[in-house]
Amino acid sequence: GASAAARGHHSTKGRRRVRHLQARRLHLRNTQRE
């Protein structure tokens, strides 16, 4: 039960983190091109 809850929490947190990282990588690549 705790494992399922942990997976659900991690999944939501992980998706937010991935979106943040994607935006960060895009910004850094734009900076590199500049």
ModelCIF file with pLDDT and N, C-alpha, C, O atoms, coordinates in Angstrom:
data_MODEL
#
_entry.id   MODEL 
#
_entity.id                         1 
_entity.type                       polymer 
_entity.pdbx_number_of_molecules   1 
#
_entity_poly.entity_id                      1 
_entity_poly.type                           'polypeptide(L)' 
_entity_poly.nstd_linkage                   no 
_entity_poly.nstd_monomer                   no 
_entity_poly.pdbx_seq_one_letter_code       GASAAARGHHSTKGRRRVRHLQARRLHLRNTQRE 
_entity_poly.pdbx_seq_one_letter_code_can   GASAAARGHHSTKGRRRVRHLQARRLHLRNTQRE 
_entity_poly.pdbx_strand_id                 A 
#
loop_
_entity_poly_seq.entity_id 
_entity_poly_seq.num 
_entity_poly_seq.mon_id 
_entity_poly_seq.hetero 
1 1  GLY n 
1 2  ALA n 
1 3  SER n 
1 4  ALA n 
1 5  ALA n 
1 6  ALA n 
1 7  ARG n 
1 8  GLY n 
1 9  HIS n 
1 10 HIS n 
1 11 SER n 
1 12 THR n 
1 13 LYS n 
1 14 GLY n 
1 15 ARG n 
1 16 ARG n 
1 17 ARG n 
1 18 VAL n 
1 19 ARG n 
1 20 HIS n 
1 21 LEU n 
1 22 GLN n 
1 23 ALA n 
1 24 ARG n 
1 25 ARG n 
1 26 LEU n 
1 27 HIS n 
1 28 LEU n 
1 29 ARG n 
1 30 ASN n 
1 31 THR n 
1 32 GLN n 
1 33 ARG n 
1 34 GLU n 
#
_struct_asym.id          A 
_struct_asym.entity_id   1 
#
loop_
_ma_qa_metric.id 
_ma_qa_metric.mode 
_ma_qa_metric.name 
_ma_qa_metric.software_group_id 
_ma_qa_metric.type 
1 global pLDDT . pLDDT 
2 local  pLDDT . pLDDT 
#
_ma_qa_metric_global.metric_id      1 
_ma_qa_metric_global.metric_value   61.29 
_ma_qa_metric_global.model_id       1 
_ma_qa_metric_global.ordinal_id     1 
#
loop_
_ma_qa_metric_local.label_asym_id 
_ma_qa_metric_local.label_comp_id 
_ma_qa_metric_local.label_seq_id 
_ma_qa_metric_local.metric_id 
_ma_qa_metric_local.metric_value 
_ma_qa_metric_local.model_id 
_ma_qa_metric_local.ordinal_id 
A GLY 1  2 49.00 1 1  
A ALA 2  2 48.00 1 2  
A SER 3  2 50.00 1 3  
A ALA 4  2 52.00 1 4  
A ALA 5  2 51.00 1 5  
A ALA 6  2 50.00 1 6  
A ARG 7  2 52.00 1 7  
A GLY 8  2 54.00 1 8  
A HIS 9  2 53.00 1 9  
A HIS 10 2 53.00 1 10 
A SER 11 2 58.00 1 11 
A THR 12 2 65.00 1 12 
A LYS 13 2 64.00 1 13 
A GLY 14 2 63.00 1 14 
A ARG 15 2 67.00 1 15 
A ARG 16 2 71.00 1 16 
A ARG 17 2 67.00 1 17 
A VAL 18 2 65.00 1 18 
A ARG 19 2 70.00 1 19 
A HIS 20 2 67.00 1 20 
A LEU 21 2 64.00 1 21 
A GLN 22 2 67.00 1 22 
A ALA 23 2 69.00 1 23 
A ARG 24 2 64.00 1 24 
A ARG 25 2 67.00 1 25 
A LEU 26 2 70.00 1 26 
A HIS 27 2 67.00 1 27 
A LEU 28 2 65.00 1 28 
A ARG 29 2 67.00 1 29 
A ASN 30 2 68.00 1 30 
A THR 31 2 62.00 1 31 
A GLN 32 2 60.00 1 32 
A ARG 33 2 65.00 1 33 
A GLU 34 2 60.00 1 34 
#
loop_
_atom_site.group_PDB 
_atom_site.id 
_atom_site.type_symbol 
_atom_site.label_atom_id 
_atom_site.label_alt_id 
_atom_site.label_comp_id 
_atom_site.label_asym_id 
_atom_site.label_entity_id 
_atom_site.label_seq_id 
_atom_site.pdbx_PDB_ins_code 
_atom_site.Cartn_x 
_atom_site.Cartn_y 
_atom_site.Cartn_z 
_atom_site.occupancy 
_atom_site.B_iso_or_equiv 
_atom_site.pdbx_formal_charge 
_atom_site.auth_seq_id 
_atom_site.auth_comp_id 
_atom_site.auth_asym_id 
_atom_site.auth_atom_id 
_atom_site.pdbx_PDB_model_num 
ATOM 1   N N  . GLY A 1 1  ? 0.825  -1.203 0.000   1.00 49.00 ? 1  GLY A N  1 
ATOM 2   C CA . GLY A 1 1  ? 0.000  0.000  0.000   1.00 49.00 ? 1  GLY A CA 1 
ATOM 3   C C  . GLY A 1 1  ? 0.853  1.244  0.000   1.00 49.00 ? 1  GLY A C  1 
ATOM 4   O O  . GLY A 1 1  ? 0.615  2.163  -0.784  1.00 49.00 ? 1  GLY A O  1 
ATOM 5   N N  . ALA A 1 2  ? 1.854  1.286  0.877   1.00 48.00 ? 2  ALA A N  1 
ATOM 6   C CA . ALA A 1 2  ? 2.751  2.431  0.945   1.00 48.00 ? 2  ALA A CA 1 
ATOM 7   C C  . ALA A 1 2  ? 3.537  2.560  -0.340  1.00 48.00 ? 2  ALA A C  1 
ATOM 8   O O  . ALA A 1 2  ? 3.838  3.663  -0.796  1.00 48.00 ? 2  ALA A O  1 
ATOM 9   N N  . SER A 1 3  ? 3.872  1.394  -0.930  1.00 50.00 ? 3  SER A N  1 
ATOM 10  C CA . SER A 1 3  ? 4.633  1.436  -2.171  1.00 50.00 ? 3  SER A CA 1 
ATOM 11  C C  . SER A 1 3  ? 3.827  2.080  -3.282  1.00 50.00 ? 3  SER A C  1 
ATOM 12  O O  . SER A 1 3  ? 4.367  2.864  -4.062  1.00 50.00 ? 3  SER A O  1 
ATOM 13  N N  . ALA A 1 4  ? 2.545  1.763  -3.369  1.00 52.00 ? 4  ALA A N  1 
ATOM 14  C CA . ALA A 1 4  ? 1.701  2.361  -4.404  1.00 52.00 ? 4  ALA A CA 1 
ATOM 15  C C  . ALA A 1 4  ? 1.572  3.859  -4.191  1.00 52.00 ? 4  ALA A C  1 
ATOM 16  O O  . ALA A 1 4  ? 1.619  4.641  -5.140  1.00 52.00 ? 4  ALA A O  1 
ATOM 17  N N  . ALA A 1 5  ? 1.404  4.255  -2.909  1.00 51.00 ? 5  ALA A N  1 
ATOM 18  C CA . ALA A 1 5  ? 1.293  5.689  -2.623  1.00 51.00 ? 5  ALA A CA 1 
ATOM 19  C C  . ALA A 1 5  ? 2.586  6.405  -2.975  1.00 51.00 ? 5  ALA A C  1 
ATOM 20  O O  . ALA A 1 5  ? 2.572  7.507  -3.525  1.00 51.00 ? 5  ALA A O  1 
ATOM 21  N N  . ALA A 1 6  ? 3.713  5.758  -2.648  1.00 50.00 ? 6  ALA A N  1 
ATOM 22  C CA . ALA A 1 6  ? 5.000  6.372  -2.950  1.00 50.00 ? 6  ALA A CA 1 
ATOM 23  C C  . ALA A 1 6  ? 5.187  6.510  -4.449  1.00 50.00 ? 6  ALA A C  1 
ATOM 24  O O  . ALA A 1 6  ? 5.692  7.525  -4.930  1.00 50.00 ? 6  ALA A O  1 
ATOM 25  N N  . ARG A 1 7  ? 4.771  5.469  -5.198  1.00 52.00 ? 7  ARG A N  1 
ATOM 26  C CA . ARG A 1 7  ? 4.898  5.539  -6.650  1.00 52.00 ? 7  ARG A CA 1 
ATOM 27  C C  . ARG A 1 7  ? 4.055  6.675  -7.216  1.00 52.00 ? 7  ARG A C  1 
ATOM 28  O O  . ARG A 1 7  ? 4.495  7.406  -8.103  1.00 52.00 ? 7  ARG A O  1 
ATOM 29  N N  . GLY A 1 8  ? 2.822  6.816  -6.686  1.00 54.00 ? 8  GLY A N  1 
ATOM 30  C CA . GLY A 1 8  ? 1.950  7.881  -7.172  1.00 54.00 ? 8  GLY A CA 1 
ATOM 31  C C  . GLY A 1 8  ? 2.540  9.247  -6.888  1.00 54.00 ? 8  GLY A C  1 
ATOM 32  O O  . GLY A 1 8  ? 2.529  10.130 -7.746  1.00 54.00 ? 8  GLY A O  1 
ATOM 33  N N  . HIS A 1 9  ? 3.062  9.419  -5.665  1.00 53.00 ? 9  HIS A N  1 
ATOM 34  C CA . HIS A 1 9  ? 3.670  10.702 -5.308  1.00 53.00 ? 9  HIS A CA 1 
ATOM 35  C C  . HIS A 1 9  ? 4.891  10.977 -6.176  1.00 53.00 ? 9  HIS A C  1 
ATOM 36  O O  . HIS A 1 9  ? 5.085  12.079 -6.688  1.00 53.00 ? 9  HIS A O  1 
ATOM 37  N N  . HIS A 1 10 ? 5.710  9.932  -6.325  1.00 53.00 ? 10 HIS A N  1 
ATOM 38  C CA . HIS A 1 10 ? 6.925  10.116 -7.127  1.00 53.00 ? 10 HIS A CA 1 
ATOM 39  C C  . HIS A 1 10 ? 6.584  10.407 -8.581  1.00 53.00 ? 10 HIS A C  1 
ATOM 40  O O  . HIS A 1 10 ? 7.269  11.195 -9.234  1.00 53.00 ? 10 HIS A O  1 
ATOM 41  N N  . SER A 1 11 ? 5.524  9.774  -9.094  1.00 58.00 ? 11 SER A N  1 
ATOM 42  C CA . SER A 1 11 ? 5.143  9.986  -10.496 1.00 58.00 ? 11 SER A CA 1 
ATOM 43  C C  . SER A 1 11 ? 4.757  11.435 -10.736 1.00 58.00 ? 11 SER A C  1 
ATOM 44  O O  . SER A 1 11 ? 5.185  12.047 -11.715 1.00 58.00 ? 11 SER A O  1 
ATOM 45  N N  . THR A 1 12 ? 3.927  11.992 -9.818  1.00 65.00 ? 12 THR A N  1 
ATOM 46  C CA . THR A 1 12 ? 3.509  13.386 -9.972  1.00 65.00 ? 12 THR A CA 1 
ATOM 47  C C  . THR A 1 12 ? 4.691  14.328 -9.825  1.00 65.00 ? 12 THR A C  1 
ATOM 48  O O  . THR A 1 12 ? 4.859  15.260 -10.611 1.00 65.00 ? 12 THR A O  1 
ATOM 49  N N  . LYS A 1 13 ? 5.500  14.078 -8.821  1.00 64.00 ? 13 LYS A N  1 
ATOM 50  C CA . LYS A 1 13 ? 6.669  14.927 -8.604  1.00 64.00 ? 13 LYS A CA 1 
ATOM 51  C C  . LYS A 1 13 ? 7.650  14.791 -9.749  1.00 64.00 ? 13 LYS A C  1 
ATOM 52  O O  . LYS A 1 13 ? 8.272  15.767 -10.169 1.00 64.00 ? 13 LYS A O  1 
ATOM 53  N N  . GLY A 1 14 ? 7.786  13.573 -10.252 1.00 63.00 ? 14 GLY A N  1 
ATOM 54  C CA . GLY A 1 14 ? 8.719  13.330 -11.346 1.00 63.00 ? 14 GLY A CA 1 
ATOM 55  C C  . GLY A 1 14 ? 8.315  14.052 -12.614 1.00 63.00 ? 14 GLY A C  1 
ATOM 56  O O  . GLY A 1 14 ? 9.163  14.588 -13.327 1.00 63.00 ? 14 GLY A O  1 
ATOM 57  N N  . ARG A 1 15 ? 7.000  14.068 -12.902 1.00 67.00 ? 15 ARG A N  1 
ATOM 58  C CA . ARG A 1 15 ? 6.542  14.760 -14.106 1.00 67.00 ? 15 ARG A CA 1 
ATOM 59  C C  . ARG A 1 15 ? 6.825  16.254 -14.005 1.00 67.00 ? 15 ARG A C  1 
ATOM 60  O O  . ARG A 1 15 ? 7.245  16.877 -14.981 1.00 67.00 ? 15 ARG A O  1 
ATOM 61  N N  . ARG A 1 16 ? 6.595  16.829 -12.822 1.00 71.00 ? 16 ARG A N  1 
ATOM 62  C CA . ARG A 1 16 ? 6.899  18.246 -12.639 1.00 71.00 ? 16 ARG A CA 1 
ATOM 63  C C  . ARG A 1 16 ? 8.381  18.505 -12.823 1.00 71.00 ? 16 ARG A C  1 
ATOM 64  O O  . ARG A 1 16 ? 8.775  19.494 -13.442 1.00 71.00 ? 16 ARG A O  1 
ATOM 65  N N  . ARG A 1 17 ? 9.197  17.618 -12.286 1.00 67.00 ? 17 ARG A N  1 
ATOM 66  C CA . ARG A 1 17 ? 10.642 17.773 -12.389 1.00 67.00 ? 17 ARG A CA 1 
ATOM 67  C C  . ARG A 1 17 ? 11.106 17.678 -13.840 1.00 67.00 ? 17 ARG A C  1 
ATOM 68  O O  . ARG A 1 17 ? 11.958 18.451 -14.280 1.00 67.00 ? 17 ARG A O  1 
ATOM 69  N N  . VAL A 1 18 ? 10.541 16.728 -14.577 1.00 65.00 ? 18 VAL A N  1 
ATOM 70  C CA . VAL A 1 18 ? 10.919 16.555 -15.982 1.00 65.00 ? 18 VAL A CA 1 
ATOM 71  C C  . VAL A 1 18 ? 10.577 17.801 -16.779 1.00 65.00 ? 18 VAL A C  1 
ATOM 72  O O  . VAL A 1 18 ? 11.378 18.266 -17.590 1.00 65.00 ? 18 VAL A O  1 
ATOM 73  N N  . ARG A 1 19 ? 9.352  18.355 -16.542 1.00 70.00 ? 19 ARG A N  1 
ATOM 74  C CA . ARG A 1 19 ? 8.971  19.572 -17.259 1.00 70.00 ? 19 ARG A CA 1 
ATOM 75  C C  . ARG A 1 19 ? 9.930  20.702 -16.939 1.00 70.00 ? 19 ARG A C  1 
ATOM 76  O O  . ARG A 1 19 ? 10.315 21.469 -17.822 1.00 70.00 ? 19 ARG A O  1 
ATOM 77  N N  . HIS A 1 20 ? 10.319 20.806 -15.660 1.00 67.00 ? 20 HIS A N  1 
ATOM 78  C CA . HIS A 1 20 ? 11.259 21.849 -15.266 1.00 67.00 ? 20 HIS A CA 1 
ATOM 79  C C  . HIS A 1 20 ? 12.611 21.660 -15.958 1.00 67.00 ? 20 HIS A C  1 
ATOM 80  O O  . HIS A 1 20 ? 13.210 22.621 -16.441 1.00 67.00 ? 20 HIS A O  1 
ATOM 81  N N  . LEU A 1 21 ? 13.076 20.428 -16.001 1.00 64.00 ? 21 LEU A N  1 
ATOM 82  C CA . LEU A 1 21 ? 14.362 20.149 -16.626 1.00 64.00 ? 21 LEU A CA 1 
ATOM 83  C C  . LEU A 1 21 ? 14.325 20.401 -18.120 1.00 64.00 ? 21 LEU A C  1 
ATOM 84  O O  . LEU A 1 21 ? 15.286 20.911 -18.696 1.00 64.00 ? 21 LEU A O  1 
ATOM 85  N N  . GLN A 1 22 ? 13.223 20.046 -18.743 1.00 67.00 ? 22 GLN A N  1 
ATOM 86  C CA . GLN A 1 22 ? 13.098 20.309 -20.175 1.00 67.00 ? 22 GLN A CA 1 
ATOM 87  C C  . GLN A 1 22 ? 13.184 21.800 -20.468 1.00 67.00 ? 22 GLN A C  1 
ATOM 88  O O  . GLN A 1 22 ? 13.868 22.216 -21.403 1.00 67.00 ? 22 GLN A O  1 
ATOM 89  N N  . ALA A 1 23 ? 12.487 22.604 -19.666 1.00 69.00 ? 23 ALA A N  1 
ATOM 90  C CA . ALA A 1 23 ? 12.541 24.056 -19.850 1.00 69.00 ? 23 ALA A CA 1 
ATOM 91  C C  . ALA A 1 23 ? 13.946 24.572 -19.590 1.00 69.00 ? 23 ALA A C  1 
ATOM 92  O O  . ALA A 1 23 ? 14.420 25.468 -20.289 1.00 69.00 ? 23 ALA A O  1 
ATOM 93  N N  . ARG A 1 24 ? 14.618 24.010 -18.583 1.00 64.00 ? 24 ARG A N  1 
ATOM 94  C CA . ARG A 1 24 ? 15.980 24.442 -18.258 1.00 64.00 ? 24 ARG A CA 1 
ATOM 95  C C  . ARG A 1 24 ? 16.940 24.109 -19.387 1.00 64.00 ? 24 ARG A C  1 
ATOM 96  O O  . ARG A 1 24 ? 17.778 24.933 -19.755 1.00 64.00 ? 24 ARG A O  1 
ATOM 97  N N  . ARG A 1 25 ? 16.822 22.898 -19.944 1.00 67.00 ? 25 ARG A N  1 
ATOM 98  C CA . ARG A 1 25 ? 17.708 22.519 -21.045 1.00 67.00 ? 25 ARG A CA 1 
ATOM 99  C C  . ARG A 1 25 ? 17.488 23.410 -22.257 1.00 67.00 ? 25 ARG A C  1 
ATOM 100 O O  . ARG A 1 25 ? 18.441 23.798 -22.932 1.00 67.00 ? 25 ARG A O  1 
ATOM 101 N N  . LEU A 1 26 ? 16.204 23.740 -22.537 1.00 70.00 ? 26 LEU A N  1 
ATOM 102 C CA . LEU A 1 26 ? 15.912 24.602 -23.669 1.00 70.00 ? 26 LEU A CA 1 
ATOM 103 C C  . LEU A 1 26 ? 16.554 25.977 -23.483 1.00 70.00 ? 26 LEU A C  1 
ATOM 104 O O  . LEU A 1 26 ? 17.131 26.537 -24.416 1.00 70.00 ? 26 LEU A O  1 
ATOM 105 N N  . HIS A 1 27 ? 16.444 26.515 -22.257 1.00 67.00 ? 27 HIS A N  1 
ATOM 106 C CA . HIS A 1 27 ? 17.041 27.826 -21.969 1.00 67.00 ? 27 HIS A CA 1 
ATOM 107 C C  . HIS A 1 27 ? 18.548 27.783 -22.143 1.00 67.00 ? 27 HIS A C  1 
ATOM 108 O O  . HIS A 1 27 ? 19.130 28.695 -22.729 1.00 67.00 ? 27 HIS A O  1 
ATOM 109 N N  . LEU A 1 28 ? 19.187 26.736 -21.640 1.00 65.00 ? 28 LEU A N  1 
ATOM 110 C CA . LEU A 1 28 ? 20.636 26.647 -21.728 1.00 65.00 ? 28 LEU A CA 1 
ATOM 111 C C  . LEU A 1 28 ? 21.108 26.463 -23.162 1.00 65.00 ? 28 LEU A C  1 
ATOM 112 O O  . LEU A 1 28 ? 22.141 27.008 -23.553 1.00 65.00 ? 28 LEU A O  1 
ATOM 113 N N  . ARG A 1 29 ? 20.358 25.697 -23.948 1.00 67.00 ? 29 ARG A N  1 
ATOM 114 C CA . ARG A 1 29 ? 20.735 25.536 -25.353 1.00 67.00 ? 29 ARG A CA 1 
ATOM 115 C C  . ARG A 1 29 ? 20.592 26.852 -26.106 1.00 67.00 ? 29 ARG A C  1 
ATOM 116 O O  . ARG A 1 29 ? 21.419 27.178 -26.957 1.00 67.00 ? 29 ARG A O  1 
ATOM 117 N N  . ASN A 1 30 ? 19.528 27.618 -25.787 1.00 68.00 ? 30 ASN A N  1 
ATOM 118 C CA . ASN A 1 30 ? 19.383 28.932 -26.415 1.00 68.00 ? 30 ASN A CA 1 
ATOM 119 C C  . ASN A 1 30 ? 20.542 29.842 -26.033 1.00 68.00 ? 30 ASN A C  1 
ATOM 120 O O  . ASN A 1 30 ? 21.063 30.584 -26.865 1.00 68.00 ? 30 ASN A O  1 
ATOM 121 N N  . THR A 1 31 ? 20.938 29.778 -24.766 1.00 62.00 ? 31 THR A N  1 
ATOM 122 C CA . THR A 1 31 ? 22.083 30.580 -24.311 1.00 62.00 ? 31 THR A CA 1 
ATOM 123 C C  . THR A 1 31 ? 23.352 30.179 -25.040 1.00 62.00 ? 31 THR A C  1 
ATOM 124 O O  . THR A 1 31 ? 24.158 31.030 -25.416 1.00 62.00 ? 31 THR A O  1 
ATOM 125 N N  . GLN A 1 32 ? 23.527 28.873 -25.239 1.00 60.00 ? 32 GLN A N  1 
ATOM 126 C CA . GLN A 1 32 ? 24.711 28.393 -25.945 1.00 60.00 ? 32 GLN A CA 1 
ATOM 127 C C  . GLN A 1 32 ? 24.731 28.888 -27.384 1.00 60.00 ? 32 GLN A C  1 
ATOM 128 O O  . GLN A 1 32 ? 25.783 29.250 -27.911 1.00 60.00 ? 32 GLN A O  1 
ATOM 129 N N  . ARG A 1 33 ? 23.551 28.903 -28.023 1.00 65.00 ? 33 ARG A N  1 
ATOM 130 C CA . ARG A 1 33 ? 23.503 29.402 -29.384 1.00 65.00 ? 33 ARG A CA 1 
ATOM 131 C C  . ARG A 1 33 ? 23.837 30.899 -29.423 1.00 65.00 ? 33 ARG A C  1 
ATOM 132 O O  . ARG A 1 33 ? 24.521 31.361 -30.337 1.00 65.00 ? 33 ARG A O  1 
ATOM 133 N N  . GLU A 1 34 ? 23.342 31.665 -28.411 1.00 60.00 ? 34 GLU A N  1 
ATOM 134 C CA . GLU A 1 34 ? 23.661 33.089 -28.343 1.00 60.00 ? 34 GLU A CA 1 
ATOM 135 C C  . GLU A 1 34 ? 25.169 33.284 -28.172 1.00 60.00 ? 34 GLU A C  1 
ATOM 136 O O  . GLU A 1 34 ? 25.640 34.419 -28.094 1.00 60.00 ? 34 GLU A O  1 
#
